[in-house]
Amino acid sequence: MGCDGGTIPKRDELVRQKKKAEIKDKNAANMAKWRHCTLKHDTLKRPIVVDAHGLLYNKDAILEYLLDRMQFEHGPSYIKKMKDVKELQLTENPAFKSNHNDLGNEYLDVYSSPFICPLTGLEMNGKYKFCAIWTCGCVLSDRALRSVNNNNTTNEKLSCPKCGEEYSSNDDIIILNPENDDIILMEERRQRLNINQKKNGSTKRKLPETEEDTNSKKTKIDSTANTDVPSSSSSTTNKKVSTSKVSTSKVVSTNKSTSEKTSIQQDPTTSVLYKSLFTTSDAAKQKEKNKAHWITYNPLYF
């Protein structure tokens, strides 16, 4: 059927091929990462914070997430308190125009960013790798940090080129919006820091003994050693005397209890109605006398 009227079908119309994967727009992806909050997808506004994975958030969004986690289905589970994020110290871009026209009659620069690197002047738009220092929160380009680190001979402690605060080159540098292998590096860094925090917490709980504590323990041991210890024979005799007293007191108490056992009919504290419930009462005895001799229910022998 078909192909009438002189139509010439193409191969694509007759042969089904696999659908190609959709190509994402890089400009839209960069704008979503670098200009919008990862949690609520709002535009990034100061104060801006970063987590251990290098993702950017609005501080207000993190506060709302910590107050009510049920509002966010896909929230970061590793953020449990405000110490898990760090507020960023960003450098504003003086050439950035925030009030631009979206009507289409004006050129819109997609790669313009409201923040730049304070050393190199590179815009924080996704084209260049940017890093944040966890100790101070300053944001610099990776190119600037590498140039500063190459000039320093010591690798253990480095100083921030913007504020001068010290940081370590391994654990205090966070890559913003990491990709590919950088994501694995940030995850390894977070796990390593969690292990170190647990170790530090366990060592803080075990307080070291001071010299005063050891001296007090020694004095207690000396005082106990100087006290007179009674002989074993006297201790055994005292134990025997105490056990004999206990046994005699028990016997006396049991004898008293057996001798003091009396009928409930002689108890002046109980009422007459309560006494009549028992077979030892006068009414129960009269009933037993009036019964026939062949009734064996509850026989009484007086």
C-alpha atoms as a PDB file:
ATOM      1  CA  MET A   1       0.000   0.000   0.000  1.00  0.00           C
ATOM      2  CA  GLY A   2       1.151   3.531  -0.559  1.00  0.00           C
ATOM      3  CA  CYS A   3       3.846   4.895  -2.848  1.00  0.00           C
ATOM      4  CA  ASP A   4       1.239   5.858  -5.396  1.00  0.00           C
ATOM      5  CA  GLY A   5       1.008   9.073  -7.281  1.00  0.00           C
ATOM      6  CA  GLY A   6       4.675   9.089  -8.148  1.00  0.00           C
ATOM      7  CA  THR A   7       6.003   9.537  -4.598  1.00  0.00           C
ATOM      8  CA  ILE A   8       9.565   8.422  -3.986  1.00  0.00           C
ATOM      9  CA  PRO A   9      10.142   7.463  -0.316  1.00  0.00           C
ATOM     10  CA  LYS A  10      13.520   7.906   1.306  1.00  0.00           C
ATOM     11  CA  ARG A  11      15.433   5.266   3.209  1.00  0.00           C
ATOM     12  CA  ASP A  12      14.932   7.050   6.525  1.00  0.00           C
ATOM     13  CA  GLU A  13      11.181   6.827   6.051  1.00  0.00           C
ATOM     14  CA  LEU A  14      11.211   3.064   5.465  1.00  0.00           C
ATOM     15  CA  VAL A  15      14.010   1.812   7.767  1.00  0.00           C
ATOM     16  CA  ARG A  16      13.730   2.346  11.498  1.00  0.00           C
ATOM     17  CA  GLN A  17      16.951   3.374  13.133  1.00  0.00           C
ATOM     18  CA  LYS A  18      18.001   3.792  16.748  1.00  0.00           C
ATOM     19  CA  LYS A  19      17.165   7.138  18.207  1.00  0.00           C
ATOM     20  CA  LYS A  20      20.179   9.288  18.842  1.00  0.00           C
ATOM     21  CA  ALA A  21      20.746  10.648  22.286  1.00  0.00           C
ATOM     22  CA  GLU A  22      19.623  14.183  22.783  1.00  0.00           C
ATOM     23  CA  ILE A  23      22.466  16.661  22.755  1.00  0.00           C
ATOM     24  CA  LYS A  24      22.288  18.994  25.727  1.00  0.00           C
ATOM     25  CA  ASP A  25      22.808  22.658  25.242  1.00  0.00           C
ATOM     26  CA  LYS A  26      26.091  23.507  26.983  1.00  0.00           C
ATOM     27  CA  ASN A  27      25.064  27.101  27.516  1.00  0.00           C
ATOM     28  CA  ALA A  28      21.851  26.074  29.273  1.00  0.00           C
ATOM     29  CA  ALA A  29      23.708  23.484  31.377  1.00  0.00           C
ATOM     30  CA  ASN A  30      26.300  26.042  32.480  1.00  0.00           C
ATOM     31  CA  MET A  31      23.648  28.591  33.372  1.00  0.00           C
ATOM     32  CA  ALA A  32      21.759  25.985  35.405  1.00  0.00           C
ATOM     33  CA  LYS A  33      24.880  25.041  37.378  1.00  0.00           C
ATOM     34  CA  TRP A  34      26.567  28.384  37.910  1.00  0.00           C
ATOM     35  CA  ARG A  35      23.598  30.732  38.202  1.00  0.00           C
ATOM     36  CA  HIS A  36      20.939  28.641  39.945  1.00  0.00           C
ATOM     37  CA  CYS A  37      20.626  26.945  43.328  1.00  0.00           C
ATOM     38  CA  THR A  38      21.062  23.170  43.217  1.00  0.00           C
ATOM     39  CA  LEU A  39      18.284  22.579  45.749  1.00  0.00           C
ATOM     40  CA  LYS A  40      15.452  24.975  44.805  1.00  0.00           C
ATOM     41  CA  HIS A  41      16.673  25.957  41.304  1.00  0.00           C
ATOM     42  CA  ASP A  42      16.316  29.656  42.102  1.00  0.00           C
ATOM     43  CA  THR A  43      18.839  32.238  40.932  1.00  0.00           C
ATOM     44  CA  LEU A  44      21.895  32.350  43.153  1.00  0.00           C
ATOM     45  CA  LYS A  45      21.883  35.326  45.506  1.00  0.00           C
ATOM     46  CA  ARG A  46      24.180  36.174  48.335  1.00  0.00           C
ATOM     47  CA  PRO A  47      24.783  34.580  50.773  1.00  0.00           C
ATOM     48  CA  ILE A  48      25.854  31.575  48.679  1.00  0.00           C
ATOM     49  CA  VAL A  49      27.165  28.367  50.277  1.00  0.00           C
ATOM     50  CA  VAL A  50      28.945  25.275  48.960  1.00  0.00           C
ATOM     51  CA  ASP A  51      28.816  21.687  50.225  1.00  0.00           C
ATOM     52  CA  ALA A  52      31.513  19.018  50.378  1.00  0.00           C
ATOM     53  CA  HIS A  53      30.713  17.940  46.793  1.00  0.00           C
ATOM     54  CA  GLY A  54      31.251  21.442  45.390  1.00  0.00           C
ATOM     55  CA  LEU A  55      27.578  22.168  44.631  1.00  0.00           C
ATOM     56  CA  LEU A  56      26.257  25.713  45.043  1.00  0.00           C
ATOM     57  CA  TYR A  57      23.199  26.620  47.131  1.00  0.00           C
ATOM     58  CA  ASN A  58      21.414  29.644  48.463  1.00  0.00           C
ATOM     59  CA  LYS A  59      21.837  29.812  52.221  1.00  0.00           C
ATOM     60  CA  ASP A  60      18.104  30.347  52.685  1.00  0.00           C
ATOM     61  CA  ALA A  61      17.380  27.125  50.792  1.00  0.00           C
ATOM     62  CA  ILE A  62      19.715  25.136  53.070  1.00  0.00           C
ATOM     63  CA  LEU A  63      18.027  26.571  56.163  1.00  0.00           C
ATOM     64  CA  GLU A  64      14.604  25.590  54.821  1.00  0.00           C
ATOM     65  CA  TYR A  65      15.918  22.112  54.016  1.00  0.00           C
ATOM     66  CA  LEU A  66      17.283  21.599  57.532  1.00  0.00           C
ATOM     67  CA  LEU A  67      14.031  22.796  59.106  1.00  0.00           C
ATOM     68  CA  ASP A  68      11.742  20.612  56.982  1.00  0.00           C
ATOM     69  CA  ARG A  69      13.319  17.860  54.882  1.00  0.00           C
ATOM     70  CA  MET A  70       9.952  16.543  53.685  1.00  0.00           C
ATOM     71  CA  GLN A  71       9.573  19.479  51.287  1.00  0.00           C
ATOM     72  CA  PHE A  72      12.595  18.360  49.253  1.00  0.00           C
ATOM     73  CA  GLU A  73      12.394  14.858  47.791  1.00  0.00           C
ATOM     74  CA  HIS A  74      15.890  14.784  46.296  1.00  0.00           C
ATOM     75  CA  GLY A  75      17.736  16.805  48.922  1.00  0.00           C
ATOM     76  CA  PRO A  76      21.372  16.139  49.889  1.00  0.00           C
ATOM     77  CA  SER A  77      21.243  13.558  52.686  1.00  0.00           C
ATOM     78  CA  TYR A  78      24.838  14.241  53.756  1.00  0.00           C
ATOM     79  CA  ILE A  79      23.977  17.820  54.803  1.00  0.00           C
ATOM     80  CA  LYS A  80      22.758  17.461  58.402  1.00  0.00           C
ATOM     81  CA  LYS A  81      23.826  20.786  59.914  1.00  0.00           C
ATOM     82  CA  MET A  82      25.087  24.208  58.853  1.00  0.00           C
ATOM     83  CA  LYS A  83      28.681  23.140  59.513  1.00  0.00           C
ATOM     84  CA  ASP A  84      28.426  20.817  56.516  1.00  0.00           C
ATOM     85  CA  VAL A  85      28.328  23.834  54.178  1.00  0.00           C
ATOM     86  CA  LYS A  86      30.617  26.852  53.837  1.00  0.00           C
ATOM     87  CA  GLU A  87      29.648  30.399  52.954  1.00  0.00           C
ATOM     88  CA  LEU A  88      31.588  31.687  49.937  1.00  0.00           C
ATOM     89  CA  GLN A  89      33.481  34.976  49.742  1.00  0.00           C
ATOM     90  CA  LEU A  90      32.873  35.922  46.102  1.00  0.00           C
ATOM     91  CA  THR A  91      34.347  38.764  44.039  1.00  0.00           C
ATOM     92  CA  GLU A  92      31.791  40.727  42.015  1.00  0.00           C
ATOM     93  CA  ASN A  93      32.206  41.322  38.301  1.00  0.00           C
ATOM     94  CA  PRO A  94      31.962  45.079  37.589  1.00  0.00           C
ATOM     95  CA  ALA A  95      31.186  44.452  33.893  1.00  0.00           C
ATOM     96  CA  PHE A  96      28.171  42.244  34.597  1.00  0.00           C
ATOM     97  CA  LYS A  97      24.746  43.670  33.708  1.00  0.00           C
ATOM     98  CA  SER A  98      21.978  42.063  35.699  1.00  0.00           C
ATOM     99  CA  ASN A  99      19.054  44.025  34.177  1.00  0.00           C
ATOM    100  CA  HIS A 100      19.252  42.808  30.593  1.00  0.00           C
ATOM    101  CA  ASN A 101      16.469  42.712  28.043  1.00  0.00           C
ATOM    102  CA  ASP A 102      15.083  39.275  27.118  1.00  0.00           C
ATOM    103  CA  LEU A 103      12.860  40.493  24.271  1.00  0.00           C
ATOM    104  CA  GLY A 104      15.306  39.362  21.608  1.00  0.00           C
ATOM    105  CA  ASN A 105      16.249  42.789  20.295  1.00  0.00           C
ATOM    106  CA  GLU A 106      19.512  42.838  22.232  1.00  0.00           C
ATOM    107  CA  TYR A 107      22.565  40.589  22.314  1.00  0.00           C
ATOM    108  CA  LEU A 108      22.624  38.390  25.397  1.00  0.00           C
ATOM    109  CA  ASP A 109      26.040  37.194  26.519  1.00  0.00           C
ATOM    110  CA  VAL A 110      25.472  33.745  27.990  1.00  0.00           C
ATOM    111  CA  TYR A 111      28.998  33.453  29.383  1.00  0.00           C
ATOM    112  CA  SER A 112      28.863  36.651  31.417  1.00  0.00           C
ATOM    113  CA  SER A 113      28.936  35.913  35.133  1.00  0.00           C
ATOM    114  CA  PRO A 114      28.274  38.078  38.179  1.00  0.00           C
ATOM    115  CA  PHE A 115      31.466  36.780  39.860  1.00  0.00           C
ATOM    116  CA  ILE A 116      35.102  36.631  38.768  1.00  0.00           C
ATOM    117  CA  CYS A 117      38.471  35.453  40.041  1.00  0.00           C
ATOM    118  CA  PRO A 118      40.171  38.252  42.014  1.00  0.00           C
ATOM    119  CA  LEU A 119      43.643  37.366  40.661  1.00  0.00           C
ATOM    120  CA  THR A 120      43.172  36.481  36.996  1.00  0.00           C
ATOM    121  CA  GLY A 121      39.847  38.202  36.276  1.00  0.00           C
ATOM    122  CA  LEU A 122      38.327  35.053  34.733  1.00  0.00           C
ATOM    123  CA  GLU A 123      34.547  34.875  34.894  1.00  0.00           C
ATOM    124  CA  MET A 124      32.940  32.092  36.926  1.00  0.00           C
ATOM    125  CA  ASN A 125      30.729  30.778  34.111  1.00  0.00           C
ATOM    126  CA  GLY A 126      31.750  27.113  33.687  1.00  0.00           C
ATOM    127  CA  LYS A 127      34.369  27.556  30.984  1.00  0.00           C
ATOM    128  CA  TYR A 128      37.153  27.605  33.564  1.00  0.00           C
ATOM    129  CA  LYS A 129      37.625  25.496  36.659  1.00  0.00           C
ATOM    130  CA  PHE A 130      37.052  27.344  39.931  1.00  0.00           C
ATOM    131  CA  CYS A 131      37.930  26.272  43.463  1.00  0.00           C
ATOM    132  CA  ALA A 132      36.948  27.364  46.961  1.00  0.00           C
ATOM    133  CA  ILE A 133      39.088  27.268  50.100  1.00  0.00           C
ATOM    134  CA  TRP A 134      37.126  25.672  52.939  1.00  0.00           C
ATOM    135  CA  THR A 135      38.871  27.478  55.793  1.00  0.00           C
ATOM    136  CA  CYS A 136      38.094  31.027  54.619  1.00  0.00           C
ATOM    137  CA  GLY A 137      35.524  30.534  51.840  1.00  0.00           C
ATOM    138  CA  CYS A 138      37.423  32.526  49.199  1.00  0.00           C
ATOM    139  CA  VAL A 139      36.740  31.555  45.571  1.00  0.00           C
ATOM    140  CA  LEU A 140      39.607  31.539  43.059  1.00  0.00           C
ATOM    141  CA  SER A 141      40.252  30.034  39.665  1.00  0.00           C
ATOM    142  CA  ASP A 142      42.206  26.795  39.484  1.00  0.00           C
ATOM    143  CA  ARG A 143      44.785  28.524  37.312  1.00  0.00           C
ATOM    144  CA  ALA A 144      45.481  31.133  40.000  1.00  0.00           C
ATOM    145  CA  LEU A 145      45.759  28.545  42.776  1.00  0.00           C
ATOM    146  CA  ARG A 146      48.194  26.440  40.781  1.00  0.00           C
ATOM    147  CA  SER A 147      50.424  29.411  40.058  1.00  0.00           C
ATOM    148  CA  VAL A 148      50.485  30.360  43.743  1.00  0.00           C
ATOM    149  CA  ASN A 149      51.147  26.780  44.894  1.00  0.00           C
ATOM    150  CA  ASN A 150      54.015  26.356  42.424  1.00  0.00           C
ATOM    151  CA  ASN A 151      55.761  29.408  43.857  1.00  0.00           C
ATOM    152  CA  ASN A 152      55.603  28.032  47.413  1.00  0.00           C
ATOM    153  CA  THR A 153      58.186  25.414  48.413  1.00  0.00           C
ATOM    154  CA  THR A 154      56.264  24.038  51.419  1.00  0.00           C
ATOM    155  CA  ASN A 155      53.347  21.770  50.599  1.00  0.00           C
ATOM    156  CA  GLU A 156      51.861  21.267  54.063  1.00  0.00           C
ATOM    157  CA  LYS A 157      50.488  24.748  54.854  1.00  0.00           C
ATOM    158  CA  LEU A 158      49.650  27.414  52.296  1.00  0.00           C
ATOM    159  CA  SER A 159      48.185  30.884  52.647  1.00  0.00           C
ATOM    160  CA  CYS A 160      45.148  32.157  50.781  1.00  0.00           C
ATOM    161  CA  PRO A 161      46.246  34.717  48.155  1.00  0.00           C
ATOM    162  CA  LYS A 162      43.124  36.797  48.816  1.00  0.00           C
ATOM    163  CA  CYS A 163      42.817  36.974  52.626  1.00  0.00           C
ATOM    164  CA  GLY A 164      46.067  35.336  53.807  1.00  0.00           C
ATOM    165  CA  GLU A 165      44.487  32.586  55.924  1.00  0.00           C
ATOM    166  CA  GLU A 166      46.354  29.267  56.078  1.00  0.00           C
ATOM    167  CA  TYR A 167      44.987  26.085  54.506  1.00  0.00           C
ATOM    168  CA  SER A 168      46.194  22.629  53.514  1.00  0.00           C
ATOM    169  CA  SER A 169      46.619  21.816  49.839  1.00  0.00           C
ATOM    170  CA  ASN A 170      44.890  18.412  50.076  1.00  0.00           C
ATOM    171  CA  ASP A 171      41.765  18.697  52.216  1.00  0.00           C
ATOM    172  CA  ASP A 172      40.788  22.382  52.179  1.00  0.00           C
ATOM    173  CA  ILE A 173      40.373  22.904  48.414  1.00  0.00           C
ATOM    174  CA  ILE A 174      36.926  22.225  46.927  1.00  0.00           C
ATOM    175  CA  ILE A 175      36.281  22.171  43.181  1.00  0.00           C
ATOM    176  CA  LEU A 176      33.073  24.038  42.340  1.00  0.00           C
ATOM    177  CA  ASN A 177      30.581  22.108  40.190  1.00  0.00           C
ATOM    178  CA  PRO A 178      32.995  19.211  39.527  1.00  0.00           C
ATOM    179  CA  GLU A 179      32.777  17.005  36.448  1.00  0.00           C
ATOM    180  CA  ASN A 180      34.005  13.502  35.540  1.00  0.00           C
ATOM    181  CA  ASP A 181      37.028  12.589  37.690  1.00  0.00           C
ATOM    182  CA  ASP A 182      36.653  15.621  39.958  1.00  0.00           C
ATOM    183  CA  ILE A 183      33.389  14.200  41.314  1.00  0.00           C
ATOM    184  CA  ILE A 184      35.238  11.091  42.534  1.00  0.00           C
ATOM    185  CA  LEU A 185      37.933  13.256  44.124  1.00  0.00           C
ATOM    186  CA  MET A 186      35.361  15.303  46.051  1.00  0.00           C
ATOM    187  CA  GLU A 187      33.592  12.163  47.292  1.00  0.00           C
ATOM    188  CA  GLU A 188      36.885  10.637  48.489  1.00  0.00           C
ATOM    189  CA  ARG A 189      37.748  13.895  50.230  1.00  0.00           C
ATOM    190  CA  ARG A 190      34.392  13.967  52.048  1.00  0.00           C
ATOM    191  CA  GLN A 191      34.746  10.360  53.241  1.00  0.00           C
ATOM    192  CA  ARG A 192      38.311  11.000  54.401  1.00  0.00           C
ATOM    193  CA  LEU A 193      37.268  14.042  56.414  1.00  0.00           C
ATOM    194  CA  ASN A 194      34.392  12.119  58.030  1.00  0.00           C
ATOM    195  CA  ILE A 195      36.790   9.395  59.176  1.00  0.00           C
ATOM    196  CA  ASN A 196      39.184  11.988  60.611  1.00  0.00           C
ATOM    197  CA  GLN A 197      36.369  13.737  62.476  1.00  0.00           C
ATOM    198  CA  LYS A 198      35.253  10.459  64.062  1.00  0.00           C
ATOM    199  CA  LYS A 199      38.812   9.720  65.175  1.00  0.00           C
ATOM    200  CA  ASN A 200      39.220  13.194  66.649  1.00  0.00           C
ATOM    201  CA  GLY A 201      35.910  12.849  68.486  1.00  0.00           C
ATOM    202  CA  SER A 202      36.939   9.531  70.051  1.00  0.00           C
ATOM    203  CA  THR A 203      40.288  10.939  71.201  1.00  0.00           C
ATOM    204  CA  LYS A 204      38.596  13.975  72.771  1.00  0.00           C
ATOM    205  CA  ARG A 205      36.340  11.738  74.856  1.00  0.00           C
ATOM    206  CA  LYS A 206      39.342   9.895  76.325  1.00  0.00           C
ATOM    207  CA  LEU A 207      40.833  12.635  78.524  1.00  0.00           C
ATOM    208  CA  PRO A 208      44.507  12.141  79.477  1.00  0.00           C
ATOM    209  CA  GLU A 209      45.360  11.643  83.143  1.00  0.00           C
ATOM    210  CA  THR A 210      47.119  14.608  84.729  1.00  0.00           C
ATOM    211  CA  GLU A 211      49.853  14.484  87.355  1.00  0.00           C
ATOM    212  CA  GLU A 212      47.387  15.532  90.063  1.00  0.00           C
ATOM    213  CA  ASP A 213      45.167  12.524  89.314  1.00  0.00           C
ATOM    214  CA  THR A 214      48.106  10.119  89.515  1.00  0.00           C
ATOM    215  CA  ASN A 215      49.315  11.673  92.787  1.00  0.00           C
ATOM    216  CA  SER A 216      45.827  11.435  94.313  1.00  0.00           C
ATOM    217  CA  LYS A 217      45.625   7.758  93.309  1.00  0.00           C
ATOM    218  CA  LYS A 218      49.004   7.087  94.946  1.00  0.00           C
ATOM    219  CA  THR A 219      47.949   8.780  98.193  1.00  0.00           C
ATOM    220  CA  LYS A 220      44.745   6.711  98.291  1.00  0.00           C
ATOM    221  CA  ILE A 221      46.724   3.493  97.845  1.00  0.00           C
ATOM    222  CA  ASP A 222      49.187   4.501 100.606  1.00  0.00           C
ATOM    223  CA  SER A 223      46.375   5.364 103.015  1.00  0.00           C
ATOM    224  CA  THR A 224      44.700   1.999 102.473  1.00  0.00           C
ATOM    225  CA  ALA A 225      48.008   0.211 102.974  1.00  0.00           C
ATOM    226  CA  ASN A 226      48.683   2.002 106.302  1.00  0.00           C
ATOM    227  CA  THR A 227      45.313   1.089 107.838  1.00  0.00           C
ATOM    228  CA  ASP A 228      45.236  -1.937 110.194  1.00  0.00           C
ATOM    229  CA  VAL A 229      43.863  -5.045 108.515  1.00  0.00           C
ATOM    230  CA  PRO A 230      42.041  -7.446 110.907  1.00  0.00           C
ATOM    231  CA  SER A 231      43.263 -11.010 111.167  1.00  0.00           C
ATOM    232  CA  SER A 232      41.572 -13.836 109.329  1.00  0.00           C
ATOM    233  CA  SER A 233      40.654 -15.708 112.525  1.00  0.00           C
ATOM    234  CA  SER A 234      38.817 -12.737 114.011  1.00  0.00           C
ATOM    235  CA  SER A 235      36.938 -12.159 110.755  1.00  0.00           C
ATOM    236  CA  THR A 236      35.817 -15.803 110.625  1.00  0.00           C
ATOM    237  CA  THR A 237      34.631 -15.728 114.253  1.00  0.00           C
ATOM    238  CA  ASN A 238      32.692 -12.527 113.625  1.00  0.00           C
ATOM    239  CA  LYS A 239      31.046 -14.137 110.590  1.00  0.00           C
ATOM    240  CA  LYS A 240      30.049 -17.202 112.652  1.00  0.00           C
ATOM    241  CA  VAL A 241      28.568 -15.064 115.427  1.00  0.00           C
ATOM    242  CA  SER A 242      26.574 -13.002 112.942  1.00  0.00           C
ATOM    243  CA  THR A 243      25.212 -16.095 111.173  1.00  0.00           C
ATOM    244  CA  SER A 244      24.206 -17.705 114.481  1.00  0.00           C
ATOM    245  CA  LYS A 245      22.365 -14.530 115.523  1.00  0.00           C
ATOM    246  CA  VAL A 246      20.502 -14.444 112.244  1.00  0.00           C
ATOM    247  CA  SER A 247      19.478 -18.110 112.518  1.00  0.00           C
ATOM    248  CA  THR A 248      18.196 -17.736 116.124  1.00  0.00           C
ATOM    249  CA  SER A 249      16.240 -14.635 115.210  1.00  0.00           C
ATOM    250  CA  LYS A 250      14.602 -16.526 112.331  1.00  0.00           C
ATOM    251  CA  VAL A 251      13.608 -19.416 114.643  1.00  0.00           C
ATOM    252  CA  VAL A 252      12.105 -17.078 117.221  1.00  0.00           C
ATOM    253  CA  SER A 253      10.144 -15.231 114.549  1.00  0.00           C
ATOM    254  CA  THR A 254       8.751 -18.487 113.106  1.00  0.00           C
ATOM    255  CA  ASN A 255       7.715 -19.738 116.553  1.00  0.00           C
ATOM    256  CA  LYS A 256       5.958 -16.478 117.260  1.00  0.00           C
ATOM    257  CA  SER A 257       4.132 -16.618 113.967  1.00  0.00           C
ATOM    258  CA  THR A 258       2.907 -20.200 114.569  1.00  0.00           C
ATOM    259  CA  SER A 259       1.826 -19.486 118.123  1.00  0.00           C
ATOM    260  CA  GLU A 260       0.027 -16.324 117.138  1.00  0.00           C
ATOM    261  CA  LYS A 261      -2.089 -18.114 114.474  1.00  0.00           C
ATOM    262  CA  THR A 262      -5.722 -17.895 115.594  1.00  0.00           C
ATOM    263  CA  SER A 263      -9.142 -18.365 114.006  1.00  0.00           C
ATOM    264  CA  ILE A 264     -10.560 -15.551 111.937  1.00  0.00           C
ATOM    265  CA  GLN A 265     -13.704 -15.690 114.075  1.00  0.00           C
ATOM    266  CA  GLN A 266     -11.651 -14.323 116.989  1.00  0.00           C
ATOM    267  CA  ASP A 267     -10.299 -11.390 115.012  1.00  0.00           C
ATOM    268  CA  PRO A 268     -11.977  -8.214 116.352  1.00  0.00           C
ATOM    269  CA  THR A 269     -11.036  -6.137 113.305  1.00  0.00           C
ATOM    270  CA  THR A 270     -13.103  -8.150 110.771  1.00  0.00           C
ATOM    271  CA  SER A 271     -16.846  -7.678 110.305  1.00  0.00           C
ATOM    272  CA  VAL A 272     -19.541 -10.251 111.024  1.00  0.00           C
ATOM    273  CA  LEU A 273     -20.516 -10.429 107.361  1.00  0.00           C
ATOM    274  CA  TYR A 274     -16.959 -11.311 106.375  1.00  0.00           C
ATOM    275  CA  LYS A 275     -16.748 -13.966 109.151  1.00  0.00           C
ATOM    276  CA  SER A 276     -19.945 -15.631 107.923  1.00  0.00           C
ATOM    277  CA  LEU A 277     -18.263 -16.509 104.624  1.00  0.00           C
ATOM    278  CA  PHE A 278     -16.059 -19.114 106.321  1.00  0.00           C
ATOM    279  CA  THR A 279     -17.071 -22.590 107.485  1.00  0.00           C
ATOM    280  CA  THR A 280     -15.901 -21.852 111.025  1.00  0.00           C
ATOM    281  CA  SER A 281     -18.755 -19.393 111.579  1.00  0.00           C
ATOM    282  CA  ASP A 282     -21.811 -20.304 113.725  1.00  0.00           C
ATOM    283  CA  ALA A 283     -24.218 -20.045 110.787  1.00  0.00           C
ATOM    284  CA  ALA A 284     -22.149 -22.503 108.733  1.00  0.00           C
ATOM    285  CA  LYS A 285     -22.057 -24.958 111.646  1.00  0.00           C
ATOM    286  CA  GLN A 286     -25.862 -24.829 112.015  1.00  0.00           C
ATOM    287  CA  LYS A 287     -26.312 -25.551 108.317  1.00  0.00           C
ATOM    288  CA  GLU A 288     -24.058 -28.582 108.562  1.00  0.00           C
ATOM    289  CA  LYS A 289     -26.083 -29.950 111.484  1.00  0.00           C
ATOM    290  CA  ASN A 290     -29.376 -29.561 109.617  1.00  0.00           C
ATOM    291  CA  LYS A 291     -28.093 -31.435 106.549  1.00  0.00           C
ATOM    292  CA  ALA A 292     -28.886 -35.120 105.992  1.00  0.00           C
ATOM    293  CA  HIS A 293     -26.295 -37.698 106.865  1.00  0.00           C
ATOM    294  CA  TRP A 294     -25.943 -38.906 103.310  1.00  0.00           C
ATOM    295  CA  ILE A 295     -24.706 -35.499 101.989  1.00  0.00           C
ATOM    296  CA  THR A 296     -20.926 -35.650 101.815  1.00  0.00           C
ATOM    297  CA  TYR A 297     -20.383 -32.149 100.435  1.00  0.00           C
ATOM    298  CA  ASN A 298     -17.823 -30.310 102.531  1.00  0.00           C
ATOM    299  CA  PRO A 299     -17.858 -32.621 105.558  1.00  0.00           C
ATOM    300  CA  LEU A 300     -16.750 -31.041 108.800  1.00  0.00           C
ATOM    301  CA  TYR A 301     -15.160 -32.908 111.690  1.00  0.00           C
ATOM    302  CA  PHE A 302     -15.273 -31.003 114.940  1.00  0.00           C
END
